[in-house]
Amino acid sequence: MQLFIAFIISLTVTAVLIPPLAHWAPALGLSDRPGPRKVHLVLVPRIGGLAMAVGILVPLLASVDLVPPVAGLLIGLVILLV
């Protein structure tokens, strides 16, 4: 049951973050511009990974003890995010 609750929290956080981040993406320089080698014709926000990383971090920090393996996972996740 604890994993299901963590999944629901993660899904909710990610779904809530995507619309505002997509709105702010052009101002933050997090958009992919169209070009001759691209398929899209308009700006495409590139923020899905950021929203998913926050969606993973929130329930993880709320429900798991920070033992060394978990701390290593969090450090690796933050390094990949940056």
PDB file of N, CA and C in Angstrom:
ATOM      1  N   MET A   1       0.827  -1.200   0.000  1.00  0.00           N
ATOM      2  CA  MET A   1       0.000   0.000   0.000  1.00  0.00           C
ATOM      3  C   MET A   1       0.871   1.263   0.000  1.00  0.00           C
ATOM      4  N   GLN A   2       2.016   1.209   0.687  1.00  0.00           N
ATOM      5  CA  GLN A   2       2.897   2.368   0.765  1.00  0.00           C
ATOM      6  C   GLN A   2       3.442   2.731  -0.626  1.00  0.00           C
ATOM      7  N   LEU A   3       3.774   1.720  -1.422  1.00  0.00           N
ATOM      8  CA  LEU A   3       4.268   1.983  -2.778  1.00  0.00           C
ATOM      9  C   LEU A   3       3.184   2.587  -3.665  1.00  0.00           C
ATOM     10  N   PHE A   4       1.950   2.154  -3.482  1.00  0.00           N
ATOM     11  CA  PHE A   4       0.850   2.702  -4.264  1.00  0.00           C
ATOM     12  C   PHE A   4       0.631   4.174  -3.931  1.00  0.00           C
ATOM     13  N   ILE A   5       0.694   4.520  -2.651  1.00  0.00           N
ATOM     14  CA  ILE A   5       0.546   5.917  -2.236  1.00  0.00           C
ATOM     15  C   ILE A   5       1.691   6.759  -2.793  1.00  0.00           C
ATOM     16  N   ALA A   6       2.916   6.221  -2.748  1.00  0.00           N
ATOM     17  CA  ALA A   6       4.063   6.939  -3.312  1.00  0.00           C
ATOM     18  C   ALA A   6       3.878   7.148  -4.815  1.00  0.00           C
ATOM     19  N   PHE A   7       3.341   6.146  -5.506  1.00  0.00           N
ATOM     20  CA  PHE A   7       3.071   6.265  -6.936  1.00  0.00           C
ATOM     21  C   PHE A   7       2.042   7.357  -7.211  1.00  0.00           C
ATOM     22  N   ILE A   8       0.969   7.393  -6.440  1.00  0.00           N
ATOM     23  CA  ILE A   8      -0.078   8.398  -6.631  1.00  0.00           C
ATOM     24  C   ILE A   8       0.477   9.797  -6.375  1.00  0.00           C
ATOM     25  N   ILE A   9       1.294   9.947  -5.330  1.00  0.00           N
ATOM     26  CA  ILE A   9       1.907  11.247  -5.038  1.00  0.00           C
ATOM     27  C   ILE A   9       2.819  11.657  -6.188  1.00  0.00           C
ATOM     28  N   SER A  10       3.627  10.728  -6.669  1.00  0.00           N
ATOM     29  CA  SER A  10       4.543  11.016  -7.766  1.00  0.00           C
ATOM     30  C   SER A  10       3.789  11.424  -9.026  1.00  0.00           C
ATOM     31  N   LEU A  11       2.759  10.692  -9.353  1.00  0.00           N
ATOM     32  CA  LEU A  11       1.940  10.997 -10.523  1.00  0.00           C
ATOM     33  C   LEU A  11       1.285  12.368 -10.397  1.00  0.00           C
ATOM     34  N   THR A  12       0.759  12.672  -9.216  1.00  0.00           N
ATOM     35  CA  THR A  12       0.088  13.952  -8.989  1.00  0.00           C
ATOM     36  C   THR A  12       1.063  15.118  -9.087  1.00  0.00           C
ATOM     37  N   VAL A  13       2.223  14.989  -8.440  1.00  0.00           N
ATOM     38  CA  VAL A  13       3.221  16.066  -8.479  1.00  0.00           C
ATOM     39  C   VAL A  13       3.670  16.316  -9.913  1.00  0.00           C
ATOM     40  N   THR A  14       3.937  15.258 -10.647  1.00  0.00           N
ATOM     41  CA  THR A  14       4.380  15.402 -12.035  1.00  0.00           C
ATOM     42  C   THR A  14       3.292  16.049 -12.888  1.00  0.00           C
ATOM     43  N   ALA A  15       2.064  15.592 -12.750  1.00  0.00           N
ATOM     44  CA  ALA A  15       0.957  16.140 -13.545  1.00  0.00           C
ATOM     45  C   ALA A  15       0.675  17.597 -13.201  1.00  0.00           C
ATOM     46  N   VAL A  16       0.861  17.974 -11.950  1.00  0.00           N
ATOM     47  CA  VAL A  16       0.618  19.358 -11.542  1.00  0.00           C
ATOM     48  C   VAL A  16       1.738  20.273 -12.028  1.00  0.00           C
ATOM     49  N   LEU A  17       2.968  19.779 -12.077  1.00  0.00           N
ATOM     50  CA  LEU A  17       4.103  20.612 -12.469  1.00  0.00           C
ATOM     51  C   LEU A  17       4.212  20.848 -13.975  1.00  0.00           C
ATOM     52  N   ILE A  18       3.749  19.923 -14.791  1.00  0.00           N
ATOM     53  CA  ILE A  18       3.961  20.044 -16.234  1.00  0.00           C
ATOM     54  C   ILE A  18       3.315  21.302 -16.838  1.00  0.00           C
ATOM     55  N   PRO A  19       2.056  21.646 -16.570  1.00  0.00           N
ATOM     56  CA  PRO A  19       1.496  22.851 -17.206  1.00  0.00           C
ATOM     57  C   PRO A  19       2.237  24.155 -16.860  1.00  0.00           C
ATOM     58  N   PRO A  20       2.529  24.446 -15.575  1.00  0.00           N
ATOM     59  CA  PRO A  20       3.245  25.706 -15.324  1.00  0.00           C
ATOM     60  C   PRO A  20       4.674  25.695 -15.876  1.00  0.00           C
ATOM     61  N   LEU A  21       5.351  24.563 -15.806  1.00  0.00           N
ATOM     62  CA  LEU A  21       6.698  24.497 -16.358  1.00  0.00           C
ATOM     63  C   LEU A  21       6.677  24.650 -17.884  1.00  0.00           C
ATOM     64  N   ALA A  22       5.686  24.093 -18.550  1.00  0.00           N
ATOM     65  CA  ALA A  22       5.571  24.244 -19.997  1.00  0.00           C
ATOM     66  C   ALA A  22       5.306  25.709 -20.364  1.00  0.00           C
ATOM     67  N   HIS A  23       4.570  26.403 -19.522  1.00  0.00           N
ATOM     68  CA  HIS A  23       4.294  27.818 -19.758  1.00  0.00           C
ATOM     69  C   HIS A  23       5.564  28.658 -19.582  1.00  0.00           C
ATOM     70  N   TRP A  24       6.379  28.341 -18.588  1.00  0.00           N
ATOM     71  CA  TRP A  24       7.591  29.114 -18.293  1.00  0.00           C
ATOM     72  C   TRP A  24       8.807  28.656 -19.089  1.00  0.00           C
ATOM     73  N   ALA A  25       8.727  27.535 -19.769  1.00  0.00           N
ATOM     74  CA  ALA A  25       9.887  26.975 -20.470  1.00  0.00           C
ATOM     75  C   ALA A  25      10.527  27.942 -21.465  1.00  0.00           C
ATOM     76  N   PRO A  26       9.771  28.651 -22.304  1.00  0.00           N
ATOM     77  CA  PRO A  26      10.435  29.574 -23.235  1.00  0.00           C
ATOM     78  C   PRO A  26      11.198  30.689 -22.523  1.00  0.00           C
ATOM     79  N   ALA A  27      10.637  31.212 -21.448  1.00  0.00           N
ATOM     80  CA  ALA A  27      11.308  32.285 -20.709  1.00  0.00           C
ATOM     81  C   ALA A  27      12.572  31.782 -20.022  1.00  0.00           C
ATOM     82  N   LEU A  28      12.586  30.509 -19.634  1.00  0.00           N
ATOM     83  CA  LEU A  28      13.742  29.926 -18.953  1.00  0.00           C
ATOM     84  C   LEU A  28      14.758  29.347 -19.934  1.00  0.00           C
ATOM     85  N   GLY A  29      14.449  29.391 -21.215  1.00  0.00           N
ATOM     86  CA  GLY A  29      15.347  28.836 -22.225  1.00  0.00           C
ATOM     87  C   GLY A  29      15.319  27.320 -22.277  1.00  0.00           C
ATOM     88  N   LEU A  30      14.207  26.722 -21.881  1.00  0.00           N
ATOM     89  CA  LEU A  30      14.068  25.268 -21.860  1.00  0.00           C
ATOM     90  C   LEU A  30      13.144  24.775 -22.968  1.00  0.00           C
ATOM     91  N   SER A  31      13.240  25.404 -24.126  1.00  0.00           N
ATOM     92  CA  SER A  31      12.421  25.005 -25.262  1.00  0.00           C
ATOM     93  C   SER A  31      13.310  24.604 -26.420  1.00  0.00           C
ATOM     94  N   ASP A  32      12.827  23.665 -27.209  1.00  0.00           N
ATOM     95  CA  ASP A  32      13.529  23.235 -28.412  1.00  0.00           C
ATOM     96  C   ASP A  32      12.963  24.011 -29.585  1.00  0.00           C
ATOM     97  N   ARG A  33      13.820  24.716 -30.275  1.00  0.00           N
ATOM     98  CA  ARG A  33      13.387  25.542 -31.408  1.00  0.00           C
ATOM     99  C   ARG A  33      13.306  24.695 -32.685  1.00  0.00           C
ATOM    100  N   PRO A  34      12.343  25.019 -33.552  1.00  0.00           N
ATOM    101  CA  PRO A  34      12.258  24.295 -34.823  1.00  0.00           C
ATOM    102  C   PRO A  34      13.459  24.634 -35.707  1.00  0.00           C
ATOM    103  N   GLY A  35      13.803  23.716 -36.547  1.00  0.00           N
ATOM    104  CA  GLY A  35      14.927  23.919 -37.446  1.00  0.00           C
ATOM    105  C   GLY A  35      14.814  22.987 -38.631  1.00  0.00           C
ATOM    106  N   PRO A  36      15.780  23.059 -39.539  1.00  0.00           N
ATOM    107  CA  PRO A  36      15.705  22.231 -40.746  1.00  0.00           C
ATOM    108  C   PRO A  36      15.810  20.732 -40.445  1.00  0.00           C
ATOM    109  N   ARG A  37      16.454  20.352 -39.346  1.00  0.00           N
ATOM    110  CA  ARG A  37      16.607  18.934 -39.028  1.00  0.00           C
ATOM    111  C   ARG A  37      15.600  18.463 -37.976  1.00  0.00           C
ATOM    112  N   LYS A  38      14.638  19.302 -37.647  1.00  0.00           N
ATOM    113  CA  LYS A  38      13.641  18.975 -36.629  1.00  0.00           C
ATOM    114  C   LYS A  38      12.313  18.638 -37.293  1.00  0.00           C
ATOM    115  N   VAL A  39      11.499  17.897 -36.593  1.00  0.00           N
ATOM    116  CA  VAL A  39      10.196  17.505 -37.114  1.00  0.00           C
ATOM    117  C   VAL A  39       9.140  18.542 -36.765  1.00  0.00           C
ATOM    118  N   HIS A  40       9.273  19.182 -35.602  1.00  0.00           N
ATOM    119  CA  HIS A  40       8.249  20.115 -35.140  1.00  0.00           C
ATOM    120  C   HIS A  40       8.420  21.495 -35.776  1.00  0.00           C
ATOM    121  N   LEU A  41       7.313  22.240 -35.854  1.00  0.00           N
ATOM    122  CA  LEU A  41       7.303  23.555 -36.483  1.00  0.00           C
ATOM    123  C   LEU A  41       7.151  24.689 -35.483  1.00  0.00           C
ATOM    124  N   VAL A  42       6.907  24.363 -34.219  1.00  0.00           N
ATOM    125  CA  VAL A  42       6.749  25.376 -33.162  1.00  0.00           C
ATOM    126  C   VAL A  42       7.687  25.030 -32.014  1.00  0.00           C
ATOM    127  N   LEU A  43       7.843  25.974 -31.068  1.00  0.00           N
ATOM    128  CA  LEU A  43       8.645  25.711 -29.884  1.00  0.00           C
ATOM    129  C   LEU A  43       8.063  24.532 -29.092  1.00  0.00           C
ATOM    130  N   VAL A  44       8.925  23.632 -28.639  1.00  0.00           N
ATOM    131  CA  VAL A  44       8.494  22.488 -27.849  1.00  0.00           C
ATOM    132  C   VAL A  44       9.165  22.579 -26.483  1.00  0.00           C
ATOM    133  N   PRO A  45       8.379  22.676 -25.395  1.00  0.00           N
ATOM    134  CA  PRO A  45       8.977  22.735 -24.060  1.00  0.00           C
ATOM    135  C   PRO A  45       9.713  21.437 -23.743  1.00  0.00           C
ATOM    136  N   ARG A  46      10.886  21.566 -23.130  1.00  0.00           N
ATOM    137  CA  ARG A  46      11.682  20.390 -22.767  1.00  0.00           C
ATOM    138  C   ARG A  46      11.794  20.321 -21.245  1.00  0.00           C
ATOM    139  N   ILE A  47      10.664  20.088 -20.594  1.00  0.00           N
ATOM    140  CA  ILE A  47      10.643  20.121 -19.132  1.00  0.00           C
ATOM    141  C   ILE A  47      10.102  18.842 -18.504  1.00  0.00           C
ATOM    142  N   GLY A  48       9.772  17.860 -19.322  1.00  0.00           N
ATOM    143  CA  GLY A  48       9.194  16.632 -18.782  1.00  0.00           C
ATOM    144  C   GLY A  48      10.122  15.931 -17.805  1.00  0.00           C
ATOM    145  N   GLY A  49      11.408  15.913 -18.096  1.00  0.00           N
ATOM    146  CA  GLY A  49      12.370  15.275 -17.199  1.00  0.00           C
ATOM    147  C   GLY A  49      12.460  15.965 -15.861  1.00  0.00           C
ATOM    148  N   LEU A  50      12.401  17.286 -15.865  1.00  0.00           N
ATOM    149  CA  LEU A  50      12.437  18.043 -14.613  1.00  0.00           C
ATOM    150  C   LEU A  50      11.201  17.744 -13.767  1.00  0.00           C
ATOM    151  N   ALA A  51      10.051  17.728 -14.382  1.00  0.00           N
ATOM    152  CA  ALA A  51       8.812  17.425 -13.654  1.00  0.00           C
ATOM    153  C   ALA A  51       8.835  16.002 -13.107  1.00  0.00           C
ATOM    154  N   MET A  52       9.341  15.057 -13.894  1.00  0.00           N
ATOM    155  CA  MET A  52       9.400  13.672 -13.418  1.00  0.00           C
ATOM    156  C   MET A  52      10.416  13.510 -12.293  1.00  0.00           C
ATOM    157  N   ALA A  53      11.540  14.215 -12.368  1.00  0.00           N
ATOM    158  CA  ALA A  53      12.542  14.123 -11.310  1.00  0.00           C
ATOM    159  C   ALA A  53      11.985  14.654  -9.996  1.00  0.00           C
ATOM    160  N   VAL A  54      11.288  15.772 -10.046  1.00  0.00           N
ATOM    161  CA  VAL A  54      10.665  16.300  -8.832  1.00  0.00           C
ATOM    162  C   VAL A  54       9.576  15.341  -8.349  1.00  0.00           C
ATOM    163  N   GLY A  55       8.838  14.774  -9.291  1.00  0.00           N
ATOM    164  CA  GLY A  55       7.805  13.801  -8.931  1.00  0.00           C
ATOM    165  C   GLY A  55       8.370  12.560  -8.266  1.00  0.00           C
ATOM    166  N   ILE A  56       9.592  12.184  -8.601  1.00  0.00           N
ATOM    167  CA  ILE A  56      10.243  11.046  -7.951  1.00  0.00           C
ATOM    168  C   ILE A  56      10.814  11.445  -6.600  1.00  0.00           C
ATOM    169  N   LEU A  57      11.429  12.622  -6.542  1.00  0.00           N
ATOM    170  CA  LEU A  57      12.094  13.056  -5.316  1.00  0.00           C
ATOM    171  C   LEU A  57      11.126  13.296  -4.163  1.00  0.00           C
ATOM    172  N   VAL A  58       9.986  13.893  -4.433  1.00  0.00           N
ATOM    173  CA  VAL A  58       9.047  14.237  -3.354  1.00  0.00           C
ATOM    174  C   VAL A  58       8.587  13.008  -2.575  1.00  0.00           C
ATOM    175  N   PRO A  59       8.018  11.976  -3.206  1.00  0.00           N
ATOM    176  CA  PRO A  59       7.595  10.821  -2.405  1.00  0.00           C
ATOM    177  C   PRO A  59       8.778  10.041  -1.840  1.00  0.00           C
ATOM    178  N   LEU A  60       9.905  10.044  -2.544  1.00  0.00           N
ATOM    179  CA  LEU A  60      11.075   9.336  -2.048  1.00  0.00           C
ATOM    180  C   LEU A  60      11.575   9.963  -0.748  1.00  0.00           C
ATOM    181  N   LEU A  61      11.678  11.280  -0.729  1.00  0.00           N
ATOM    182  CA  LEU A  61      12.132  11.960   0.480  1.00  0.00           C
ATOM    183  C   LEU A  61      11.113  11.870   1.603  1.00  0.00           C
ATOM    184  N   ALA A  62       9.834  11.782   1.253  1.00  0.00           N
ATOM    185  CA  ALA A  62       8.785  11.731   2.268  1.00  0.00           C
ATOM    186  C   ALA A  62       8.612  10.345   2.883  1.00  0.00           C
ATOM    187  N   SER A  63       8.994   9.295   2.154  1.00  0.00           N
ATOM    188  CA  SER A  63       8.637   7.964   2.643  1.00  0.00           C
ATOM    189  C   SER A  63       9.805   7.025   2.909  1.00  0.00           C
ATOM    190  N   VAL A  64      11.022   7.398   2.534  1.00  0.00           N
ATOM    191  CA  VAL A  64      12.147   6.472   2.657  1.00  0.00           C
ATOM    192  C   VAL A  64      13.199   7.062   3.596  1.00  0.00           C
ATOM    193  N   ASP A  65      13.790   6.203   4.429  1.00  0.00           N
ATOM    194  CA  ASP A  65      14.886   6.640   5.289  1.00  0.00           C
ATOM    195  C   ASP A  65      16.119   6.904   4.427  1.00  0.00           C
ATOM    196  N   LEU A  66      16.870   7.925   4.785  1.00  0.00           N
ATOM    197  CA  LEU A  66      18.045   8.285   4.000  1.00  0.00           C
ATOM    198  C   LEU A  66      19.263   7.470   4.425  1.00  0.00           C
ATOM    199  N   VAL A  67      19.233   6.189   4.115  1.00  0.00           N
ATOM    200  CA  VAL A  67      20.380   5.320   4.350  1.00  0.00           C
ATOM    201  C   VAL A  67      21.351   5.532   3.189  1.00  0.00           C
ATOM    202  N   PRO A  68      22.614   5.126   3.319  1.00  0.00           N
ATOM    203  CA  PRO A  68      23.601   5.402   2.253  1.00  0.00           C
ATOM    204  C   PRO A  68      23.185   4.980   0.842  1.00  0.00           C
ATOM    205  N   PRO A  69      22.580   3.816   0.616  1.00  0.00           N
ATOM    206  CA  PRO A  69      22.183   3.496  -0.775  1.00  0.00           C
ATOM    207  C   PRO A  69      21.140   4.470  -1.333  1.00  0.00           C
ATOM    208  N   VAL A  70      20.204   4.878  -0.496  1.00  0.00           N
ATOM    209  CA  VAL A  70      19.178   5.818  -0.956  1.00  0.00           C
ATOM    210  C   VAL A  70      19.808   7.191  -1.185  1.00  0.00           C
ATOM    211  N   ALA A  71      20.717   7.596  -0.312  1.00  0.00           N
ATOM    212  CA  ALA A  71      21.409   8.873  -0.500  1.00  0.00           C
ATOM    213  C   ALA A  71      22.204   8.856  -1.803  1.00  0.00           C
ATOM    214  N   GLY A  72      22.838   7.736  -2.117  1.00  0.00           N
ATOM    215  CA  GLY A  72      23.564   7.608  -3.382  1.00  0.00           C
ATOM    216  C   GLY A  72      22.640   7.724  -4.576  1.00  0.00           C
ATOM    217  N   LEU A  73      21.459   7.111  -4.476  1.00  0.00           N
ATOM    218  CA  LEU A  73      20.467   7.222  -5.540  1.00  0.00           C
ATOM    219  C   LEU A  73      20.041   8.673  -5.735  1.00  0.00           C
ATOM    220  N   LEU A  74      19.790   9.368  -4.641  1.00  0.00           N
ATOM    221  CA  LEU A  74      19.374  10.766  -4.738  1.00  0.00           C
ATOM    222  C   LEU A  74      20.475  11.640  -5.330  1.00  0.00           C
ATOM    223  N   ILE A  75      21.710  11.418  -4.912  1.00  0.00           N
ATOM    224  CA  ILE A  75      22.826  12.189  -5.459  1.00  0.00           C
ATOM    225  C   ILE A  75      22.962  11.930  -6.960  1.00  0.00           C
ATOM    226  N   GLY A  76      22.860  10.656  -7.364  1.00  0.00           N
ATOM    227  CA  GLY A  76      22.925  10.326  -8.783  1.00  0.00           C
ATOM    228  C   GLY A  76      21.793  10.953  -9.571  1.00  0.00           C
ATOM    229  N   LEU A  77      20.585  10.967  -9.013  1.00  0.00           N
ATOM    230  CA  LEU A  77      19.443  11.556  -9.688  1.00  0.00           C
ATOM    231  C   LEU A  77      19.644  13.060  -9.875  1.00  0.00           C
ATOM    232  N   VAL A  78      20.143  13.712  -8.853  1.00  0.00           N
ATOM    233  CA  VAL A  78      20.368  15.165  -8.948  1.00  0.00           C
ATOM    234  C   VAL A  78      21.471  15.468  -9.963  1.00  0.00           C
ATOM    235  N   ILE A  79      22.525  14.650  -9.992  1.00  0.00           N
ATOM    236  CA  ILE A  79      23.600  14.853 -10.974  1.00  0.00           C
ATOM    237  C   ILE A  79      23.070  14.678 -12.393  1.00  0.00           C
ATOM    238  N   LEU A  80      22.255  13.661 -12.622  1.00  0.00           N
ATOM    239  CA  LEU A  80      21.662  13.461 -13.952  1.00  0.00           C
ATOM    240  C   LEU A  80      20.711  14.595 -14.317  1.00  0.00           C
ATOM    241  N   LEU A  81      20.003  15.119 -13.342  1.00  0.00           N
ATOM    242  CA  LEU A  81      19.066  16.193 -13.594  1.00  0.00           C
ATOM    243  C   LEU A  81      19.796  17.466 -14.012  1.00  0.00           C
ATOM    244  N   VAL A  82      20.895  17.736 -13.327  1.00  0.00           N
ATOM    245  CA  VAL A  82      21.667  18.956 -13.643  1.00  0.00           C
ATOM    246  C   VAL A  82      22.293  18.800 -15.009  1.00  0.00           C
TER     247      VAL A  82
END
